[in-house]
Amino acid sequence: MRFFTLLSSALLVAANAVAAPVSPRQHTRCIHSEAPRTEVQRADLSHRLSVTPSARPLAARSSVSSIVRKAPGAHKAPITDEIVSLPPAGTVSNWSRDCTGFMVFWGYIFQEDMYGATQQIIDGEDGHVYLNTICSTFPLPDSWVQADKADDGSITIPAGQMVYTEDYYGDIYDYCLVPLTYGYDDDDEYYEEFYDSYKFNLVDGKYVSDDPEMILGICEWIPDEDTWYWSGYGDRDITITPVTEAAVQLPSGVSAEKWAAITDEMGYFVDVAIDGAKLYVGGLYPACPDAYMVGDIDGDKVIFKAGQFLGATDDYSWAYLYGGKIDEIYDEDWEEYVPVATITGDLSFSYDAEAKKLTSDDAVIVTYNRADDLANTHAAGYIEEIVVEYQNRDPEALPAKPVDVYVEDYFEDYGDYDFYFTLSPFDVDGNVLDPACLYYRIYVDGEPFVFYQDEYPYFP
């Protein structure tokens, strides 16, 4: 039996990731063109806590002799044995979370400043407060934790509430939310110290960590050792700010049609609608596929006002729209050129109404927060140049050929081949294809290769 391991940047998989050269969590500092240049923000790599790759996806443990200490009164076991996915009834509100986030990469734990992470809070009818997405670097939107609310408005989250279950090849591991601090003792031994609660104070309408050094971490309880193990994921120095903006909605009775968006040799579809002197575009920023932005038609221009709220991205951060430009600036520390996004204001497109075509005059810049405070505005991503147009595609035109096709030698020990390829989003005439209608057939030695569901269970 011959097996293929398919490693593909295929259109079916990657069509919605075509417009943001900046990774969703690589923050690019945004500044006005007249402001002094500011360095591109990078992850703080100074805190490498773990030195051995993890045996399991979430739990990255250090190979050094770990001294685990519990603060007085810290819970010695989880206080809930199931995830709260449906909290009690109450008033739901949206919030934005800024913090220092911790994450695991190749067995190391890194920290990075995080901005604009989505947060929902429910003021429950039972007198408690409930929060979801309680970790910016490991979002869990369907897991809720209960907090106790005091008369002064502060809220306190008890430790040990289950938030995540991991199925690792049939072995089940449960993770809870537990506050902790870490450090090194006098013998330079690494330790973690766990606490029984995490408190937020209410300051000027915002929830702020009572102890900014304490991490609200995702931890696993190890009964045999009578202790918690930190997974390496969590947040500290947290500020949670209310989000009051409303996303743009397509007016009732106005219908949209499919136009093609083409950028950097990639393409995808967006929804375009016109209502009088207003032009609506839905899904221009691929991380917000359902978000509309609205522009004012002014002759051969369409102007989208700066700061439009796009709602939540698919990686659980808030998104705001701006026009600007992208410069490549040399980073002395990383010894490479890196992009710096400069917000200039509104987003302008040239508009050919007869041809049904929009051509960007500015770079499309999406930020995690509003750019009212430029020194603390951070880009989620950008589209440097883009054309949006209605296309009259020949339905008989064939898809363009795959590129970067490579087949590695047969691995006898594993009984499979590695097969790499990239599918073009265009047909042979350069028109964008609908990935929902795109199918390819793979031939091996002249015969169609069949991918059986029981042999390739992760295929759609």
Protein backbone atom coordinates (compact mmCIF):
# COMPACT_ATOMS: atom_id res chain seq x y z
CA MET A 1 0.00 0.00 0.00
CA ARG A 2 1.38 3.40 -0.99
CA PHE A 3 0.66 6.41 1.19
CA PHE A 4 1.20 10.10 0.54
CA THR A 5 1.91 12.77 3.11
CA LEU A 6 0.52 15.88 1.43
CA LEU A 7 2.08 19.17 2.50
CA SER A 8 0.23 21.75 0.46
CA SER A 9 -0.36 25.46 0.41
CA ALA A 10 -3.39 24.48 -1.62
CA LEU A 11 -6.05 26.94 -2.58
CA LEU A 12 -8.64 24.85 -0.79
CA VAL A 13 -6.77 25.39 2.45
CA ALA A 14 -5.05 28.72 2.08
CA ALA A 15 -7.33 30.86 -0.04
CA ASN A 16 -8.26 33.03 2.94
CA ALA A 17 -4.68 33.72 3.97
CA VAL A 18 -3.54 35.66 0.96
CA ALA A 19 -3.46 39.25 2.03
CA ALA A 20 -1.39 39.64 5.16
CA PRO A 21 2.39 39.25 4.84
CA VAL A 22 2.51 40.14 8.53
CA SER A 23 1.63 37.19 10.76
CA PRO A 24 -1.48 37.82 12.87
CA ARG A 25 0.70 38.03 15.95
CA GLN A 26 3.74 39.79 14.52
CA HIS A 27 2.93 43.32 15.62
CA THR A 28 4.00 46.15 13.33
CA ARG A 29 4.09 49.59 14.91
CA CYS A 30 1.81 52.04 13.11
CA ILE A 31 2.74 55.72 12.99
CA HIS A 32 1.65 58.78 11.03
CA SER A 33 3.97 59.78 8.23
CA GLU A 34 4.88 63.01 10.01
CA ALA A 35 5.73 61.22 13.27
CA PRO A 36 9.21 59.94 14.16
CA ARG A 37 10.00 56.42 13.01
CA THR A 38 9.38 53.70 15.54
CA GLU A 39 10.95 50.26 15.60
CA VAL A 40 8.90 47.27 14.54
CA GLN A 41 7.83 45.42 17.66
CA ARG A 42 9.27 41.95 18.15
CA ALA A 43 8.61 39.18 20.60
CA ASP A 44 10.65 39.47 23.78
CA LEU A 45 12.84 36.38 23.56
CA SER A 46 14.63 36.97 26.85
CA HIS A 47 12.47 34.55 28.83
CA ARG A 48 13.22 31.06 27.53
CA LEU A 49 11.91 28.89 30.30
CA SER A 50 11.81 25.47 28.67
CA VAL A 51 14.76 23.82 26.95
CA THR A 52 13.32 20.55 25.68
CA PRO A 53 10.68 20.16 22.93
CA SER A 54 7.36 19.10 24.35
CA ALA A 55 6.14 15.53 24.08
CA ARG A 56 2.59 16.83 23.81
CA PRO A 57 1.28 19.83 21.90
CA LEU A 58 0.22 21.97 24.86
CA ALA A 59 2.44 20.90 27.75
CA ALA A 60 6.00 22.16 27.27
CA ARG A 61 8.02 21.24 30.32
CA SER A 62 11.51 22.24 31.33
CA SER A 63 14.17 19.57 31.61
CA VAL A 64 15.82 21.42 34.48
CA SER A 65 15.09 20.33 38.02
CA SER A 66 11.85 22.25 38.68
CA ILE A 67 11.04 23.40 42.19
CA VAL A 68 7.29 23.80 42.45
CA ARG A 69 6.00 25.90 45.34
CA LYS A 70 2.42 26.67 46.29
CA ALA A 71 1.38 29.90 47.90
CA PRO A 72 -0.58 29.54 51.13
CA GLY A 73 -4.14 28.52 50.40
CA ALA A 74 -3.50 27.53 46.77
CA HIS A 75 -5.91 24.91 45.45
CA LYS A 76 -4.45 21.39 45.49
CA ALA A 77 -6.75 20.11 42.74
CA PRO A 78 -9.18 21.40 40.09
CA ILE A 79 -12.37 22.87 41.53
CA THR A 80 -14.42 21.97 38.42
CA ASP A 81 -14.34 18.72 36.45
CA GLU A 82 -15.95 19.96 33.25
CA ILE A 83 -15.72 22.96 30.94
CA VAL A 84 -18.43 25.62 31.20
CA SER A 85 -19.38 26.08 27.53
CA LEU A 86 -22.83 27.58 28.17
CA PRO A 87 -22.75 30.14 30.99
CA PRO A 88 -25.88 31.28 32.85
CA ALA A 89 -28.07 34.01 31.39
CA GLY A 90 -26.96 37.59 31.77
CA THR A 91 -25.88 40.76 29.99
CA VAL A 92 -23.16 40.14 27.38
CA SER A 93 -20.59 42.81 26.49
CA ASN A 94 -17.50 42.93 24.26
CA TRP A 95 -14.08 43.88 25.62
CA SER A 96 -10.53 44.25 24.30
CA ARG A 97 -7.62 42.64 26.13
CA ASP A 98 -4.05 44.01 26.18
CA CYS A 99 -1.43 42.05 28.08
CA THR A 100 1.89 40.27 28.03
CA GLY A 101 1.20 36.85 26.55
CA PHE A 102 3.18 33.65 27.03
CA MET A 103 3.34 30.93 24.36
CA VAL A 104 5.31 27.81 23.46
CA PHE A 105 7.40 27.51 20.31
CA TRP A 106 9.68 24.52 19.66
CA GLY A 107 9.68 23.66 23.34
CA TYR A 108 10.62 27.15 24.51
CA ILE A 109 8.31 29.54 26.32
CA PHE A 110 8.32 33.07 24.94
CA GLN A 111 6.59 36.24 25.99
CA GLU A 112 5.21 38.95 23.73
CA ASP A 113 3.11 42.06 24.15
CA MET A 114 -0.42 41.31 22.90
CA TYR A 115 -3.01 43.85 21.81
CA GLY A 116 -6.71 43.85 21.02
CA ALA A 117 -7.53 40.24 21.92
CA THR A 118 -11.26 39.60 21.97
CA GLN A 119 -12.90 39.18 25.34
CA GLN A 120 -16.55 38.70 26.21
CA ILE A 121 -17.89 39.27 29.70
CA ILE A 122 -21.30 38.24 30.98
CA ASP A 123 -22.80 39.97 34.00
CA GLY A 124 -24.77 36.93 35.12
CA GLU A 125 -28.26 36.97 36.57
CA ASP A 126 -26.91 34.64 39.28
CA GLY A 127 -24.73 37.44 40.67
CA HIS A 128 -21.46 36.16 39.18
CA VAL A 129 -19.39 37.44 36.27
CA TYR A 130 -18.27 35.10 33.46
CA LEU A 131 -15.33 35.57 31.07
CA ASN A 132 -14.27 33.66 27.94
CA THR A 133 -11.15 33.67 25.73
CA ILE A 134 -9.16 33.92 28.92
CA CYS A 135 -5.73 33.50 27.24
CA SER A 136 -4.62 35.76 24.37
CA THR A 137 -2.07 33.26 23.03
CA PHE A 138 -4.34 30.21 23.31
CA PRO A 139 -7.88 31.52 22.64
CA LEU A 140 -10.71 29.44 24.08
CA PRO A 141 -13.90 31.28 23.06
CA ASP A 142 -16.18 28.42 24.11
CA SER A 143 -14.69 28.05 27.60
CA TRP A 144 -16.02 30.30 30.34
CA VAL A 145 -14.72 30.90 33.85
CA GLN A 146 -16.70 32.24 36.79
CA ALA A 147 -15.58 35.30 38.76
CA ASP A 148 -16.85 36.79 42.00
CA LYS A 149 -17.82 40.47 41.87
CA ALA A 150 -17.19 42.80 44.81
CA ASP A 151 -19.07 45.98 45.76
CA ASP A 152 -16.17 48.12 44.48
CA GLY A 153 -16.54 46.57 41.00
CA SER A 154 -13.45 44.37 41.22
CA ILE A 155 -13.73 40.73 40.10
CA THR A 156 -11.82 37.70 41.34
CA ILE A 157 -11.37 34.43 39.41
CA PRO A 158 -10.92 31.34 41.65
CA ALA A 159 -8.11 29.02 40.51
CA GLY A 160 -8.68 25.51 39.20
CA GLN A 161 -11.56 26.02 36.74
CA MET A 162 -11.32 23.65 33.79
CA VAL A 163 -10.95 25.39 30.41
CA TYR A 164 -9.43 22.89 27.96
CA THR A 165 -9.28 19.16 27.29
CA GLU A 166 -6.61 17.67 25.05
CA ASP A 167 -6.99 14.33 23.30
CA TYR A 168 -3.46 13.18 22.56
CA TYR A 169 -3.73 9.91 20.62
CA GLY A 170 -6.45 8.66 22.95
CA ASP A 171 -4.93 9.96 26.17
CA ILE A 172 -7.03 12.72 27.73
CA TYR A 173 -5.41 15.66 29.52
CA ASP A 174 -7.39 18.33 31.34
CA TYR A 175 -6.21 21.92 31.82
CA CYS A 176 -7.41 24.54 34.25
CA LEU A 177 -6.95 28.25 34.74
CA VAL A 178 -4.47 28.82 37.58
CA PRO A 179 -2.57 32.02 38.57
CA LEU A 180 1.18 31.63 38.98
CA THR A 181 4.52 33.34 39.09
CA TYR A 182 7.89 31.91 38.09
CA GLY A 183 11.48 32.65 38.89
CA TYR A 184 14.86 31.27 39.92
CA ASP A 185 15.92 30.62 43.50
CA ASP A 186 19.28 31.27 45.13
CA ASP A 187 20.64 28.06 43.58
CA ASP A 188 19.53 29.20 40.12
CA GLU A 189 16.84 26.53 40.04
CA TYR A 190 13.70 27.39 38.11
CA TYR A 191 10.42 27.28 40.07
CA GLU A 192 6.73 27.99 39.63
CA GLU A 193 4.50 29.23 42.43
CA PHE A 194 0.72 28.87 42.19
CA TYR A 195 -2.04 30.95 43.78
CA ASP A 196 -5.70 30.44 44.65
CA SER A 197 -7.22 33.42 42.78
CA TYR A 198 -6.63 36.19 40.26
CA LYS A 199 -8.05 39.65 40.89
CA PHE A 200 -8.98 42.46 38.50
CA ASN A 201 -9.59 45.97 39.82
CA LEU A 202 -12.08 48.26 38.08
CA VAL A 203 -10.16 51.43 37.13
CA ASP A 204 -11.78 54.12 34.97
CA GLY A 205 -14.15 51.60 33.45
CA LYS A 206 -11.38 49.08 32.70
CA TYR A 207 -10.46 45.82 34.40
CA VAL A 208 -6.77 45.90 35.40
CA SER A 209 -4.66 43.15 36.97
CA ASP A 210 -4.29 43.68 40.71
CA ASP A 211 -0.83 42.05 40.56
CA PRO A 212 0.69 42.70 37.10
CA GLU A 213 3.47 40.15 37.73
CA MET A 214 1.05 37.27 38.30
CA ILE A 215 0.31 35.11 35.25
CA LEU A 216 -3.20 33.85 34.56
CA GLY A 217 -1.99 30.53 33.20
CA ILE A 218 -3.33 27.35 31.61
CA CYS A 219 -2.12 24.53 33.84
CA GLU A 220 -2.40 20.75 34.15
CA TRP A 221 -3.00 19.02 37.47
CA ILE A 222 -0.63 16.07 38.11
CA PRO A 223 -2.26 13.92 40.84
CA ASP A 224 0.74 11.62 41.33
CA GLU A 225 2.95 14.61 42.10
CA ASP A 226 0.24 16.58 43.90
CA THR A 227 1.00 19.72 41.92
CA TRP A 228 0.17 21.88 38.93
CA TYR A 229 2.27 22.00 35.78
CA TRP A 230 2.17 25.18 33.74
CA SER A 231 1.65 24.59 29.99
CA GLY A 232 3.60 27.70 29.04
CA TYR A 233 0.48 29.60 27.92
CA GLY A 234 -1.01 32.50 29.83
CA ASP A 235 -1.28 36.28 30.26
CA ARG A 236 -0.04 38.79 32.78
CA ASP A 237 -0.27 42.57 33.24
CA ILE A 238 -3.77 42.45 31.76
CA THR A 239 -5.95 45.45 30.91
CA ILE A 240 -9.49 44.75 29.64
CA THR A 241 -11.21 47.71 27.94
CA PRO A 242 -14.86 47.87 26.82
CA VAL A 243 -15.50 47.80 23.06
CA THR A 244 -18.41 50.06 22.16
CA GLU A 245 -18.08 50.29 18.36
CA ALA A 246 -20.53 48.53 16.06
CA ALA A 247 -19.47 46.76 12.87
CA VAL A 248 -20.74 48.00 9.49
CA GLN A 249 -23.88 46.21 8.31
CA LEU A 250 -25.18 45.89 4.77
CA PRO A 251 -28.46 47.87 4.63
CA SER A 252 -31.67 45.90 4.51
CA GLY A 253 -32.83 45.25 0.95
CA VAL A 254 -29.38 45.88 -0.57
CA SER A 255 -27.88 42.86 -2.30
CA ALA A 256 -24.20 42.22 -3.00
CA GLU A 257 -22.47 40.58 -5.93
CA LYS A 258 -19.21 38.67 -6.11
CA TRP A 259 -16.13 40.58 -7.23
CA ALA A 260 -12.57 39.26 -7.40
CA ALA A 261 -9.84 40.67 -5.16
CA ILE A 262 -6.30 40.29 -6.50
CA THR A 263 -3.19 41.07 -4.51
CA ASP A 264 0.43 39.97 -4.71
CA GLU A 265 -0.34 37.25 -7.27
CA MET A 266 -3.10 35.85 -5.05
CA GLY A 267 -6.85 36.09 -5.44
CA TYR A 268 -10.10 35.56 -3.56
CA PHE A 269 -13.70 36.71 -3.70
CA VAL A 270 -15.35 39.61 -1.89
CA ASP A 271 -18.91 40.94 -1.74
CA VAL A 272 -19.57 44.37 -3.25
CA ALA A 273 -22.80 46.36 -2.99
CA ILE A 274 -23.77 49.89 -3.99
CA ASP A 275 -26.50 51.87 -2.24
CA GLY A 276 -26.73 55.39 -3.68
CA ALA A 277 -23.41 57.13 -3.00
CA LYS A 278 -22.26 54.37 -0.65
CA LEU A 279 -20.13 51.39 -1.71
CA TYR A 280 -19.84 48.38 0.58
CA VAL A 281 -17.09 45.75 0.42
CA GLY A 282 -17.35 42.57 2.46
CA GLY A 283 -14.44 40.27 3.24
CA LEU A 284 -11.64 42.49 1.89
CA TYR A 285 -9.40 41.63 4.86
CA PRO A 286 -9.31 37.81 4.77
CA ALA A 287 -9.00 37.41 8.54
CA CYS A 288 -12.44 39.10 8.80
CA PRO A 289 -14.29 37.25 6.02
CA ASP A 290 -17.75 38.45 7.14
CA ALA A 291 -16.83 42.08 7.86
CA TYR A 292 -18.11 44.92 5.69
CA MET A 293 -16.50 48.32 5.21
CA VAL A 294 -18.35 51.27 3.68
CA GLY A 295 -16.97 54.00 1.44
CA ASP A 296 -18.27 57.24 -0.04
CA ILE A 297 -18.32 57.41 -3.85
CA ASP A 298 -16.85 60.72 -5.02
CA GLY A 299 -16.51 60.70 -8.80
CA ASP A 300 -13.68 58.34 -9.70
CA LYS A 301 -12.75 57.78 -6.06
CA VAL A 302 -14.19 55.78 -3.18
CA ILE A 303 -13.09 56.93 0.28
CA PHE A 304 -13.36 54.61 3.28
CA LYS A 305 -13.23 56.61 6.51
CA ALA A 306 -10.38 55.76 8.88
CA GLY A 307 -11.07 53.75 12.00
CA GLN A 308 -13.98 51.63 10.76
CA PHE A 309 -14.61 48.73 13.12
CA LEU A 310 -14.41 45.37 11.33
CA GLY A 311 -15.28 43.22 14.32
CA ALA A 312 -13.35 40.12 15.34
CA THR A 313 -10.72 38.38 13.22
CA ASP A 314 -10.56 34.62 12.86
CA ASP A 315 -7.67 34.55 15.36
CA TYR A 316 -9.80 36.29 18.01
CA SER A 317 -8.57 39.85 17.92
CA TRP A 318 -10.43 43.06 17.14
CA ALA A 319 -9.81 44.82 13.84
CA TYR A 320 -9.96 48.46 12.69
CA LEU A 321 -9.49 49.79 9.14
CA TYR A 322 -7.06 52.51 8.00
CA GLY A 323 -5.27 53.73 4.90
CA GLY A 324 -1.52 54.11 4.85
CA LYS A 325 1.73 52.93 3.34
CA ILE A 326 4.32 50.22 3.93
CA ASP A 327 8.06 50.87 4.15
CA GLU A 328 10.85 48.33 4.43
CA ILE A 329 13.11 49.37 7.31
CA TYR A 330 16.37 47.64 8.21
CA ASP A 331 16.27 46.11 11.69
CA GLU A 332 19.76 46.15 13.23
CA ASP A 333 18.91 43.54 15.86
CA TRP A 334 17.46 41.02 13.40
CA GLU A 335 19.78 42.04 10.54
CA GLU A 336 17.00 42.08 7.99
CA TYR A 337 14.48 44.41 6.40
CA VAL A 338 11.11 44.43 8.12
CA PRO A 339 7.82 46.13 7.18
CA VAL A 340 6.72 49.26 8.99
CA ALA A 341 3.12 50.36 8.50
CA THR A 342 2.44 54.09 8.45
CA ILE A 343 -1.16 55.23 8.95
CA THR A 344 -2.00 58.23 6.78
CA GLY A 345 -5.74 58.42 7.44
CA ASP A 346 -8.66 57.44 5.22
CA LEU A 347 -8.37 54.56 2.75
CA SER A 348 -8.71 55.65 -0.88
CA PHE A 349 -9.51 53.58 -3.98
CA SER A 350 -9.67 54.69 -7.62
CA TYR A 351 -13.05 53.69 -9.02
CA ASP A 352 -14.08 52.81 -12.57
CA ALA A 353 -17.85 52.47 -12.32
CA GLU A 354 -18.33 51.29 -15.90
CA ALA A 355 -15.69 48.56 -15.62
CA LYS A 356 -16.74 47.75 -12.04
CA LYS A 357 -13.18 48.05 -10.78
CA LEU A 358 -11.51 49.39 -7.64
CA THR A 359 -7.74 49.99 -7.45
CA SER A 360 -6.13 50.85 -4.12
CA ASP A 361 -4.39 54.20 -3.81
CA ASP A 362 -3.20 53.39 -0.29
CA ALA A 363 -2.13 50.32 1.58
CA VAL A 364 -4.95 48.66 3.51
CA ILE A 365 -3.86 48.62 7.15
CA VAL A 366 -5.78 46.75 9.84
CA THR A 367 -4.97 47.41 13.49
CA TYR A 368 -5.84 45.69 16.75
CA ASN A 369 -7.03 48.95 18.28
CA ARG A 370 -8.12 52.41 17.23
CA ALA A 371 -5.31 54.74 16.20
CA ASP A 372 -6.37 57.53 18.56
CA ASP A 373 -3.12 56.95 20.46
CA LEU A 374 -0.50 56.42 17.75
CA ALA A 375 2.24 55.41 20.16
CA ASN A 376 0.13 52.42 21.23
CA THR A 377 -1.37 51.39 17.90
CA HIS A 378 -0.35 48.06 16.44
CA ALA A 379 -1.02 46.54 13.03
CA ALA A 380 -2.69 43.16 12.71
CA GLY A 381 -1.83 42.99 9.01
CA TYR A 382 -1.89 44.86 5.77
CA ILE A 383 -2.52 44.63 2.03
CA GLU A 384 -0.01 46.80 0.22
CA GLU A 385 -1.72 46.82 -3.18
CA ILE A 386 -5.06 45.36 -4.24
CA VAL A 387 -7.45 45.41 -7.20
CA VAL A 388 -11.13 44.55 -6.71
CA GLU A 389 -13.11 43.98 -9.88
CA TYR A 390 -16.10 42.22 -11.37
CA GLN A 391 -14.85 39.45 -13.65
CA ASN A 392 -16.56 37.86 -16.65
CA ARG A 393 -14.91 34.48 -16.43
CA ASP A 394 -15.18 31.87 -19.15
CA PRO A 395 -16.65 28.87 -17.30
CA GLU A 396 -14.82 26.55 -19.69
CA ALA A 397 -11.39 27.95 -18.80
CA LEU A 398 -9.22 25.40 -17.04
CA PRO A 399 -7.50 26.00 -13.70
CA ALA A 400 -3.87 27.03 -13.92
CA LYS A 401 -1.34 24.28 -13.36
CA PRO A 402 -0.07 23.60 -9.84
CA VAL A 403 3.35 25.06 -9.10
CA ASP A 404 6.21 24.06 -6.80
CA VAL A 405 5.39 20.38 -7.29
CA TYR A 406 7.90 18.12 -5.54
CA VAL A 407 7.82 14.45 -4.60
CA GLU A 408 10.37 13.10 -2.14
CA ASP A 409 11.73 9.56 -2.22
CA TYR A 410 9.78 6.69 -0.72
CA PHE A 411 10.33 6.34 3.03
CA GLU A 412 10.57 2.59 3.62
CA ASP A 413 10.52 2.91 7.41
CA TYR A 414 7.24 4.83 7.32
CA GLY A 415 5.72 3.40 4.16
CA ASP A 416 4.87 6.73 2.57
CA TYR A 417 5.96 9.54 0.26
CA ASP A 418 6.06 13.28 0.91
CA PHE A 419 4.30 15.24 -1.81
CA TYR A 420 4.50 19.06 -1.96
CA PHE A 421 2.51 21.33 -4.25
CA THR A 422 0.84 24.73 -4.50
CA LEU A 423 -2.46 25.27 -6.27
CA SER A 424 -2.96 28.52 -8.12
CA PRO A 425 -6.08 30.57 -7.29
CA PHE A 426 -6.37 31.56 -10.96
CA ASP A 427 -7.51 29.91 -14.18
CA VAL A 428 -5.45 29.96 -17.37
CA ASP A 429 -6.92 33.38 -18.27
CA GLY A 430 -5.89 34.93 -14.95
CA ASN A 431 -9.37 35.01 -13.44
CA VAL A 432 -9.92 34.06 -9.79
CA LEU A 433 -11.41 30.64 -9.14
CA ASP A 434 -13.98 29.72 -6.52
CA PRO A 435 -12.20 27.26 -4.19
CA ALA A 436 -15.52 25.59 -3.33
CA CYS A 437 -15.71 24.42 -6.95
CA LEU A 438 -12.04 23.58 -7.46
CA TYR A 439 -10.96 19.94 -7.67
CA TYR A 440 -7.71 18.32 -8.73
CA ARG A 441 -6.94 14.69 -9.48
CA ILE A 442 -3.55 13.17 -8.63
CA TYR A 443 -2.11 10.46 -10.87
CA VAL A 444 0.53 7.96 -9.78
CA ASP A 445 2.17 5.91 -12.54
CA GLY A 446 -0.57 7.06 -14.89
CA GLU A 447 -3.44 5.94 -12.63
CA PRO A 448 -5.72 8.15 -10.49
CA PHE A 449 -4.74 7.89 -6.83
CA VAL A 450 -7.66 7.29 -4.47
CA PHE A 451 -7.57 8.85 -0.99
CA TYR A 452 -9.78 6.61 1.13
CA GLN A 453 -11.39 8.20 4.18
CA ASP A 454 -10.15 5.54 6.61
CA GLU A 455 -6.56 5.98 5.38
CA TYR A 456 -6.67 9.79 5.19
CA PRO A 457 -9.15 10.76 7.93
CA TYR A 458 -8.14 14.44 7.94
CA PHE A 459 -9.08 15.01 4.31
CA PRO A 460 -12.33 16.97 3.86
